[in-house]
N, C-alpha and C. Protein backbone atom coordinates (compact mmCIF):
# COMPACT_ATOMS: atom_id res chain seq x y z
N UNK A 1 168.51 -51.05 -70.83
CA UNK A 1 168.71 -51.66 -69.56
C UNK A 1 168.78 -53.42 -70.75
N UNK A 2 170.10 -54.21 -69.70
CA UNK A 2 170.34 -55.37 -70.53
C UNK A 2 169.45 -56.51 -69.51
N UNK A 3 168.85 -57.37 -69.83
CA UNK A 3 168.36 -58.18 -69.43
C UNK A 3 168.96 -59.30 -68.97
N UNK A 4 168.27 -59.86 -67.59
CA UNK A 4 168.66 -60.80 -67.29
C UNK A 4 169.70 -62.13 -67.65
N UNK A 5 168.91 -62.40 -68.51
CA UNK A 5 169.75 -63.39 -69.72
C UNK A 5 171.03 -63.14 -70.29
N UNK A 6 171.35 -61.52 -70.94
CA UNK A 6 171.67 -61.02 -71.17
C UNK A 6 172.91 -60.82 -70.55
N UNK A 7 172.63 -60.40 -68.89
CA UNK A 7 173.83 -60.16 -67.80
C UNK A 7 174.94 -61.62 -67.71
N UNK A 8 173.30 -62.44 -67.73
CA UNK A 8 173.92 -64.28 -67.20
C UNK A 8 174.86 -64.38 -68.26
N UNK A 9 174.79 -64.01 -69.53
CA UNK A 9 175.28 -64.69 -70.53
C UNK A 9 176.84 -63.83 -70.82
N UNK A 10 176.97 -63.01 -70.20
CA UNK A 10 177.72 -62.00 -70.08
C UNK A 10 178.65 -62.04 -68.74
N UNK A 11 178.33 -62.55 -67.55
CA UNK A 11 179.01 -63.13 -66.48
C UNK A 11 179.69 -64.23 -66.93
N UNK A 12 179.01 -65.28 -67.58
CA UNK A 12 179.55 -66.40 -68.16
C UNK A 12 180.88 -66.39 -68.67
N UNK A 13 180.77 -65.35 -69.65
CA UNK A 13 182.14 -65.34 -70.49
C UNK A 13 183.22 -64.42 -69.83
N UNK A 14 182.87 -63.80 -68.83
CA UNK A 14 184.02 -62.91 -67.76
C UNK A 14 184.72 -63.88 -67.22
N UNK A 15 184.38 -65.21 -67.01
CA UNK A 15 184.87 -65.91 -65.99
C UNK A 15 185.92 -66.89 -66.72
N UNK A 16 185.74 -66.68 -68.14
CA UNK A 16 186.66 -67.43 -68.75
C UNK A 16 188.23 -66.64 -69.08
N UNK A 17 187.64 -65.25 -68.37
CA UNK A 17 189.06 -64.70 -68.89
C UNK A 17 190.10 -64.12 -67.32
N UNK A 18 190.98 -63.47 -67.40
CA UNK A 18 191.59 -63.16 -66.46
C UNK A 18 190.84 -61.76 -65.64
N UNK A 19 190.50 -60.90 -66.09
CA UNK A 19 189.64 -59.60 -65.92
C UNK A 19 188.48 -59.52 -66.72
N UNK A 20 187.65 -59.04 -66.04
CA UNK A 20 185.68 -58.51 -66.89
C UNK A 20 186.23 -58.29 -68.28
N UNK A 21 187.02 -57.00 -68.40
CA UNK A 21 186.82 -56.06 -69.48
C UNK A 21 187.38 -56.96 -70.75
N UNK A 22 188.00 -58.33 -70.67
CA UNK A 22 188.31 -59.04 -71.66
C UNK A 22 187.57 -59.40 -72.56
N UNK A 23 186.29 -59.46 -71.41
CA UNK A 23 185.05 -60.11 -72.65
C UNK A 23 183.91 -59.16 -73.19
N UNK A 24 184.79 -58.15 -73.29
CA UNK A 24 183.73 -56.92 -74.09
C UNK A 24 183.30 -57.43 -75.20
N UNK A 25 184.39 -57.88 -76.22
CA UNK A 25 183.67 -58.41 -77.69
C UNK A 25 182.60 -59.24 -77.85
N UNK A 26 182.57 -60.22 -76.57
CA UNK A 26 181.78 -61.28 -76.21
C UNK A 26 180.59 -60.80 -75.92
N UNK A 27 180.36 -59.75 -74.58
CA UNK A 27 179.35 -58.75 -74.34
C UNK A 27 178.74 -58.27 -75.33
N UNK A 28 179.46 -57.41 -76.64
CA UNK A 28 178.87 -56.98 -77.84
C UNK A 28 177.97 -57.76 -78.61
N UNK A 29 178.69 -59.15 -78.62
CA UNK A 29 178.26 -60.20 -79.54
C UNK A 29 176.92 -60.52 -78.87
N UNK A 30 176.75 -60.88 -77.83
CA UNK A 30 175.71 -61.24 -76.64
C UNK A 30 174.31 -60.05 -77.20
N UNK A 31 174.50 -59.13 -76.78
CA UNK A 31 173.64 -57.96 -76.92
C UNK A 31 173.04 -58.15 -78.31
N UNK A 32 174.15 -58.08 -79.13
CA UNK A 32 173.86 -57.95 -80.67
C UNK A 32 172.83 -58.95 -80.87
N UNK A 33 173.32 -60.17 -80.56
CA UNK A 33 172.59 -61.50 -81.05
C UNK A 33 171.57 -61.60 -80.27
N UNK A 34 170.90 -60.63 -79.14
CA UNK A 34 169.82 -60.71 -78.23
C UNK A 34 168.61 -59.38 -79.34
N UNK A 35 169.37 -58.61 -79.65
CA UNK A 35 168.45 -57.26 -80.17
C UNK A 35 168.79 -56.78 -81.42
N UNK A 36 169.71 -57.66 -81.98
CA UNK A 36 170.02 -57.15 -83.72
C UNK A 36 170.75 -56.23 -83.78
N UNK A 37 171.51 -55.59 -82.75
CA UNK A 37 172.16 -54.20 -82.77
C UNK A 37 172.58 -53.78 -81.34
N UNK A 38 173.43 -53.03 -80.96
CA UNK A 38 173.98 -52.50 -79.57
C UNK A 38 173.64 -50.90 -79.65
N UNK A 39 173.16 -50.48 -78.96
CA UNK A 39 172.77 -49.31 -78.74
C UNK A 39 173.31 -48.53 -77.84
N UNK A 40 173.19 -47.14 -77.62
CA UNK A 40 173.97 -46.40 -76.92
C UNK A 40 173.96 -46.84 -75.50
N UNK A 41 172.85 -47.24 -74.89
CA UNK A 41 172.61 -47.74 -73.72
C UNK A 41 173.20 -48.51 -73.11
N UNK A 42 172.68 -49.68 -74.61
CA UNK A 42 173.60 -50.78 -73.93
C UNK A 42 175.00 -50.66 -73.97
N UNK A 43 175.72 -50.15 -74.66
CA UNK A 43 177.20 -49.99 -74.49
C UNK A 43 177.71 -49.61 -73.03
N UNK A 44 176.47 -48.61 -72.63
CA UNK A 44 176.80 -47.94 -71.31
C UNK A 44 176.69 -49.33 -70.01
N UNK A 45 175.36 -49.88 -70.08
CA UNK A 45 175.13 -51.12 -69.84
C UNK A 45 176.30 -51.76 -69.57
N UNK A 46 177.15 -52.38 -70.49
CA UNK A 46 178.13 -53.20 -70.95
C UNK A 46 179.43 -52.51 -70.09
N UNK A 47 179.68 -50.85 -70.24
CA UNK A 47 180.47 -50.82 -69.59
C UNK A 47 180.73 -51.14 -67.99
N UNK A 48 179.53 -50.77 -67.66
CA UNK A 48 179.38 -50.95 -66.04
C UNK A 48 179.62 -52.07 -65.80
N UNK A 49 179.10 -52.79 -66.32
CA UNK A 49 178.64 -54.64 -66.07
C UNK A 49 180.73 -54.69 -65.79
N UNK A 50 181.37 -54.68 -66.93
CA UNK A 50 182.53 -55.02 -67.08
C UNK A 50 183.53 -54.11 -66.59
N UNK A 51 182.97 -52.88 -65.75
CA UNK A 51 183.62 -51.94 -65.08
C UNK A 51 184.96 -51.30 -65.78
N UNK A 52 184.57 -50.90 -67.07
CA UNK A 52 184.83 -50.10 -68.17
C UNK A 52 184.32 -48.92 -68.42
N UNK A 53 185.34 -47.92 -69.01
CA UNK A 53 184.51 -46.39 -69.56
C UNK A 53 183.23 -46.74 -70.95
N UNK A 54 182.58 -45.95 -70.83
CA UNK A 54 181.98 -46.17 -71.93
C UNK A 54 182.49 -46.02 -73.26
N UNK A 55 183.65 -45.09 -73.29
CA UNK A 55 184.52 -44.97 -74.39
C UNK A 55 185.03 -46.39 -74.71
N UNK A 56 185.65 -46.49 -73.58
CA UNK A 56 186.41 -48.30 -74.03
C UNK A 56 185.39 -48.93 -74.77
N UNK A 57 184.40 -49.22 -73.91
CA UNK A 57 183.44 -50.26 -74.68
C UNK A 57 182.78 -49.73 -76.51
N UNK A 58 182.90 -48.50 -76.48
CA UNK A 58 182.48 -47.88 -78.05
C UNK A 58 183.90 -47.67 -78.59
N UNK A 59 184.76 -47.80 -78.33
CA UNK A 59 186.06 -48.20 -78.77
C UNK A 59 185.80 -49.22 -79.75
N UNK A 60 185.62 -50.45 -78.87
CA UNK A 60 185.72 -51.95 -79.11
C UNK A 60 184.54 -52.18 -80.57
N UNK A 61 183.14 -51.72 -79.97
CA UNK A 61 182.08 -51.75 -80.60
C UNK A 61 182.61 -51.05 -82.30
N UNK A 62 182.75 -49.82 -82.33
CA UNK A 62 183.08 -49.31 -83.49
C UNK A 62 184.05 -49.65 -84.35
N UNK A 63 185.31 -50.59 -83.63
CA UNK A 63 186.35 -50.76 -84.32
C UNK A 63 185.90 -52.12 -85.42
N UNK A 64 185.36 -52.95 -85.03
CA UNK A 64 184.41 -54.13 -85.39
C UNK A 64 183.55 -54.04 -86.54
N UNK A 65 183.62 -54.27 -87.51
CA UNK A 65 182.28 -53.87 -88.86
C UNK A 65 181.22 -54.50 -88.27
N UNK A 66 181.28 -56.13 -87.96
CA UNK A 66 179.87 -56.31 -87.62
C UNK A 66 179.39 -56.44 -86.47
N UNK A 67 179.57 -55.24 -85.36
CA UNK A 67 179.08 -54.73 -84.84
C UNK A 67 178.36 -53.77 -85.11
N UNK A 68 177.14 -53.53 -85.20
CA UNK A 68 176.29 -52.87 -85.51
C UNK A 68 175.74 -52.10 -84.53
N UNK A 69 175.89 -50.89 -84.53
CA UNK A 69 175.70 -49.44 -84.00
C UNK A 69 174.12 -48.99 -84.02
N UNK A 70 173.65 -49.58 -84.94
CA UNK A 70 172.27 -48.67 -85.00
C UNK A 70 171.33 -50.26 -85.97
N UNK A 71 170.03 -49.88 -86.05
CA UNK A 71 169.83 -51.20 -86.60
C UNK A 71 169.48 -51.48 -87.61
N UNK A 72 169.26 -52.52 -87.65
CA UNK A 72 169.67 -53.42 -89.35
C UNK A 72 168.54 -53.90 -89.54
N UNK A 73 168.55 -54.08 -91.07
CA UNK A 73 167.23 -55.36 -91.36
C UNK A 73 167.67 -56.74 -91.04
N UNK A 74 166.72 -57.76 -91.57
CA UNK A 74 166.48 -58.86 -90.83
C UNK A 74 168.46 -59.93 -91.74
N UNK A 75 168.07 -59.34 -92.78
CA UNK A 75 169.41 -60.16 -93.55
C UNK A 75 170.31 -58.85 -93.90
N UNK A 76 172.05 -58.87 -93.15
CA UNK A 76 172.85 -58.10 -93.57
C UNK A 76 173.38 -58.46 -94.91
N UNK A 77 173.57 -57.93 -96.00
CA UNK A 77 174.29 -57.68 -97.13
C UNK A 77 175.59 -57.11 -96.78
N UNK A 78 176.90 -58.02 -96.76
CA UNK A 78 178.41 -57.48 -96.73
C UNK A 78 178.90 -57.85 -97.80
N UNK A 79 179.32 -56.84 -98.60
CA UNK A 79 179.36 -56.55 -100.13
C UNK A 79 181.40 -56.46 -100.02
N UNK A 80 182.14 -57.27 -100.23
CA UNK A 80 183.26 -56.89 -100.32
C UNK A 80 183.48 -55.79 -101.43
N UNK A 81 184.32 -54.91 -100.73
CA UNK A 81 184.89 -53.84 -101.61
C UNK A 81 186.31 -53.90 -101.62
N UNK A 82 186.55 -54.59 -101.29
CA UNK A 82 188.21 -54.77 -101.38
C UNK A 82 189.13 -54.88 -102.71
N UNK A 83 190.32 -54.70 -103.31
CA UNK A 83 191.13 -54.72 -104.33
C UNK A 83 190.63 -55.78 -105.44
N UNK A 84 190.87 -56.62 -104.87
CA UNK A 84 190.76 -57.96 -105.70
C UNK A 84 188.95 -57.87 -106.62
N UNK A 85 188.28 -57.59 -105.11
CA UNK A 85 186.60 -57.67 -105.81
C UNK A 85 186.12 -56.57 -106.71
N UNK A 86 187.09 -55.40 -106.22
CA UNK A 86 187.17 -54.19 -107.02
C UNK A 86 187.52 -54.61 -108.80
N UNK A 87 188.81 -55.25 -108.44
CA UNK A 87 189.33 -55.35 -110.56
C UNK A 87 188.40 -56.72 -110.81
N UNK A 88 187.56 -57.51 -109.93
CA UNK A 88 186.97 -58.42 -110.20
C UNK A 88 185.20 -57.92 -110.81
N UNK A 89 184.96 -56.56 -110.49
CA UNK A 89 183.87 -56.42 -111.17
C UNK A 89 182.73 -55.96 -109.86
N UNK A 90 183.39 -55.65 -108.87
CA UNK A 90 182.15 -55.24 -107.40
C UNK A 90 181.82 -54.55 -107.60
N UNK A 91 182.08 -53.01 -108.55
CA UNK A 91 181.34 -51.69 -108.21
C UNK A 91 179.78 -52.09 -109.36
N UNK A 92 179.94 -52.86 -110.38
CA UNK A 92 178.85 -53.36 -110.93
C UNK A 92 177.68 -53.92 -110.15
N UNK A 93 178.25 -54.72 -109.44
CA UNK A 93 177.38 -55.68 -108.35
C UNK A 93 176.78 -54.91 -107.44
N UNK A 94 177.78 -53.89 -106.98
CA UNK A 94 176.99 -52.91 -106.12
C UNK A 94 175.77 -52.70 -106.60
N UNK A 95 175.96 -51.58 -107.67
CA UNK A 95 175.25 -51.07 -108.54
C UNK A 95 173.64 -51.88 -108.51
N UNK A 96 173.96 -53.13 -109.28
CA UNK A 96 172.88 -54.24 -109.45
C UNK A 96 172.17 -54.45 -108.27
N UNK A 97 172.62 -54.65 -107.13
CA UNK A 97 172.16 -54.98 -105.52
C UNK A 97 171.51 -53.49 -105.27
N UNK A 98 172.44 -52.20 -105.32
CA UNK A 98 171.38 -51.38 -104.81
C UNK A 98 170.07 -51.16 -105.56
N UNK A 99 169.93 -50.97 -106.95
CA UNK A 99 169.11 -50.53 -107.97
C UNK A 99 167.94 -51.67 -107.56
N UNK A 100 168.29 -53.00 -107.49
CA UNK A 100 167.23 -53.65 -107.28
C UNK A 100 166.63 -53.81 -105.78
N UNK A 101 167.16 -53.38 -105.02
CA UNK A 101 166.78 -53.16 -103.43
C UNK A 101 166.52 -51.93 -103.22
N UNK A 102 166.85 -50.57 -104.30
CA UNK A 102 166.45 -49.46 -103.81
C UNK A 102 167.11 -48.46 -102.81
N UNK A 103 168.47 -49.51 -102.43
CA UNK A 103 169.17 -48.71 -101.09
C UNK A 103 170.47 -48.61 -101.68
N UNK A 104 171.18 -47.58 -100.77
CA UNK A 104 173.04 -47.78 -100.91
C UNK A 104 173.16 -48.31 -99.53
N UNK A 105 174.43 -47.94 -99.79
CA UNK A 105 175.48 -48.75 -98.29
C UNK A 105 174.89 -47.72 -97.28
N UNK A 106 174.63 -48.21 -96.26
CA UNK A 106 174.67 -47.91 -94.91
C UNK A 106 173.02 -48.22 -94.76
N UNK A 107 172.55 -48.12 -95.91
CA UNK A 107 170.78 -48.48 -96.04
C UNK A 107 170.16 -49.14 -95.43
N UNK A 108 168.76 -49.33 -95.15
CA UNK A 108 167.99 -50.47 -94.98
C UNK A 108 166.35 -50.41 -95.92
N UNK A 109 165.99 -51.62 -96.37
CA UNK A 109 164.97 -51.15 -96.97
C UNK A 109 163.68 -50.98 -96.49
N UNK A 110 162.95 -50.29 -97.03
CA UNK A 110 161.69 -49.90 -96.43
C UNK A 110 160.67 -51.07 -95.24
N UNK A 111 160.86 -52.26 -95.97
CA UNK A 111 160.50 -53.21 -95.61
C UNK A 111 161.35 -53.84 -94.63
N UNK A 112 162.47 -53.48 -93.97
CA UNK A 112 163.28 -54.00 -93.03
C UNK A 112 163.81 -55.27 -93.22
N UNK A 113 163.90 -55.77 -94.60
CA UNK A 113 164.21 -56.83 -95.15
C UNK A 113 165.88 -57.10 -95.00
N UNK A 114 166.41 -55.83 -95.51
CA UNK A 114 168.07 -56.16 -96.09
C UNK A 114 168.63 -54.67 -95.48
N UNK A 115 169.81 -54.72 -94.99
CA UNK A 115 170.67 -53.67 -94.95
C UNK A 115 172.02 -53.96 -95.60
N UNK A 116 172.64 -52.83 -96.47
CA UNK A 116 173.52 -53.09 -97.33
C UNK A 116 174.80 -52.60 -96.54
N UNK A 117 175.72 -53.07 -96.38
CA UNK A 117 176.73 -52.53 -96.46
C UNK A 117 178.34 -53.07 -96.54
N UNK A 118 179.72 -52.03 -96.84
CA UNK A 118 180.35 -52.45 -97.29
C UNK A 118 181.19 -53.27 -96.50
N UNK A 119 182.12 -53.91 -96.57
CA UNK A 119 182.86 -54.66 -95.64
C UNK A 119 184.62 -54.87 -96.72
N UNK A 120 185.77 -54.29 -96.05
CA UNK A 120 186.99 -54.37 -96.72
C UNK A 120 187.34 -55.66 -97.12
N UNK A 121 187.13 -57.05 -96.55
CA UNK A 121 187.79 -58.19 -97.16
C UNK A 121 186.87 -59.13 -96.63
N UNK A 122 186.77 -59.97 -97.49
CA UNK A 122 186.06 -61.15 -96.73
C UNK A 122 187.18 -62.36 -96.90
N UNK A 123 188.48 -62.20 -97.67
CA UNK A 123 189.56 -63.35 -97.60
C UNK A 123 189.18 -64.02 -98.56
N UNK A 124 188.69 -63.95 -100.18
CA UNK A 124 188.08 -64.45 -100.55
C UNK A 124 188.42 -64.32 -102.09
N UNK A 125 189.72 -63.35 -102.10
CA UNK A 125 190.20 -62.64 -102.86
C UNK A 125 190.56 -63.63 -104.77
N UNK A 126 190.66 -64.75 -104.53
CA UNK A 126 190.79 -65.83 -105.77
C UNK A 126 189.35 -65.94 -106.13
N UNK A 127 187.94 -65.61 -105.00
CA UNK A 127 186.39 -66.23 -106.21
C UNK A 127 185.97 -64.81 -105.83
N UNK A 128 186.41 -63.62 -106.27
CA UNK A 128 185.99 -62.40 -106.30
C UNK A 128 185.11 -62.24 -107.52
N UNK A 129 184.09 -61.34 -107.30
CA UNK A 129 183.81 -60.69 -106.22
C UNK A 129 182.70 -61.55 -105.38
N UNK A 130 183.06 -61.15 -103.77
CA UNK A 130 182.17 -61.85 -103.19
C UNK A 130 181.19 -61.04 -101.94
N UNK A 131 180.30 -61.71 -101.54
CA UNK A 131 179.81 -60.78 -100.43
C UNK A 131 178.88 -62.15 -99.48
N UNK A 132 178.97 -61.62 -98.22
CA UNK A 132 178.09 -62.59 -96.71
C UNK A 132 176.58 -61.85 -96.87
N UNK A 133 175.56 -62.43 -96.55
CA UNK A 133 174.47 -62.32 -95.99
C UNK A 133 174.14 -63.06 -94.67
N UNK A 134 174.20 -62.02 -93.85
CA UNK A 134 174.10 -62.87 -92.48
C UNK A 134 175.62 -63.23 -92.26
N UNK A 135 175.50 -64.66 -91.99
CA UNK A 135 176.71 -65.78 -91.75
C UNK A 135 176.88 -66.29 -93.47
N UNK A 136 176.75 -66.16 -94.13
CA UNK A 136 176.19 -67.47 -95.59
C UNK A 136 177.19 -66.38 -96.49
N UNK A 137 178.05 -67.25 -96.84
CA UNK A 137 179.40 -66.30 -98.23
C UNK A 137 179.23 -66.84 -99.42
N UNK A 138 178.78 -66.18 -100.39
CA UNK A 138 179.27 -66.45 -101.95
C UNK A 138 180.00 -65.40 -102.72
N UNK A 139 180.45 -66.28 -103.68
CA UNK A 139 181.46 -65.79 -104.29
C UNK A 139 181.23 -65.86 -105.87
N UNK A 140 182.13 -65.48 -106.75
CA UNK A 140 181.75 -65.67 -108.07
C UNK A 140 180.55 -64.99 -108.48
N UNK A 141 180.54 -63.58 -108.19
CA UNK A 141 179.10 -62.97 -108.51
C UNK A 141 178.80 -62.45 -109.45
N UNK A 142 177.69 -63.02 -110.10
CA UNK A 142 176.93 -62.75 -111.38
C UNK A 142 175.76 -61.57 -111.59
N UNK A 143 175.37 -61.10 -112.23
CA UNK A 143 173.94 -60.12 -111.59
C UNK A 143 172.68 -61.18 -111.40
N UNK A 144 172.84 -62.51 -112.05
CA UNK A 144 171.90 -63.45 -112.19
C UNK A 144 171.99 -64.14 -110.58
N UNK A 145 173.23 -64.76 -110.07
CA UNK A 145 173.67 -65.24 -109.12
C UNK A 145 173.13 -64.45 -107.89
N UNK A 146 173.44 -63.24 -107.93
CA UNK A 146 172.66 -62.01 -107.09
C UNK A 146 171.62 -62.27 -107.06
N UNK A 147 170.66 -61.81 -107.98
CA UNK A 147 169.37 -62.44 -107.95
C UNK A 147 168.65 -63.70 -107.36
N UNK A 148 168.94 -64.87 -107.68
CA UNK A 148 168.76 -65.78 -107.27
C UNK A 148 168.89 -66.05 -105.33
N UNK A 149 170.31 -65.04 -104.94
CA UNK A 149 170.70 -65.48 -103.70
C UNK A 149 169.75 -64.63 -102.62
N UNK A 150 169.28 -63.45 -103.29
CA UNK A 150 168.42 -62.22 -102.98
C UNK A 150 167.39 -62.89 -102.73
N UNK A 151 166.60 -64.11 -103.54
CA UNK A 151 165.37 -64.60 -103.77
C UNK A 151 165.05 -65.92 -102.16
N UNK A 152 166.46 -66.06 -101.74
CA UNK A 152 166.29 -67.05 -100.91
C UNK A 152 166.11 -66.61 -99.56
N UNK A 153 166.37 -65.33 -99.51
CA UNK A 153 166.58 -64.45 -98.10
C UNK A 153 165.20 -63.57 -98.09
N UNK A 154 163.94 -64.01 -98.83
CA UNK A 154 162.93 -62.92 -98.53
C UNK A 154 162.38 -63.45 -97.80
């Protein structure tokens, strides 16, 4: 069930659009901001609040790669697997991160500190390979640089 704070924030967003369903992505982001992810129950509650079908809200939620439909760690690592990053060594960076953290794509470390996810493009092709952790962007990745970056988020 959505909290009163979440409902209030969502209703504030709906006032900025000609019809409530236009605030769907905003509603998903609000719930994720408060909870860290968007559960099936939250999708149903958002659908009801915005007068949408569950399937329509689910379609929006699964379209966007940064809406998380299952719990994630405190720090979400988005590693670019686009063609430029692939050419510039993304696979070895992925293997390094995977080995260092003991997880593969889609997994979260046992201490719930990191979740590792692929992302199709970060728009930083001329500085590949690149990744984001939470909202922080990193590029020209090397093994040493990755190790330093991960230490920051411990």
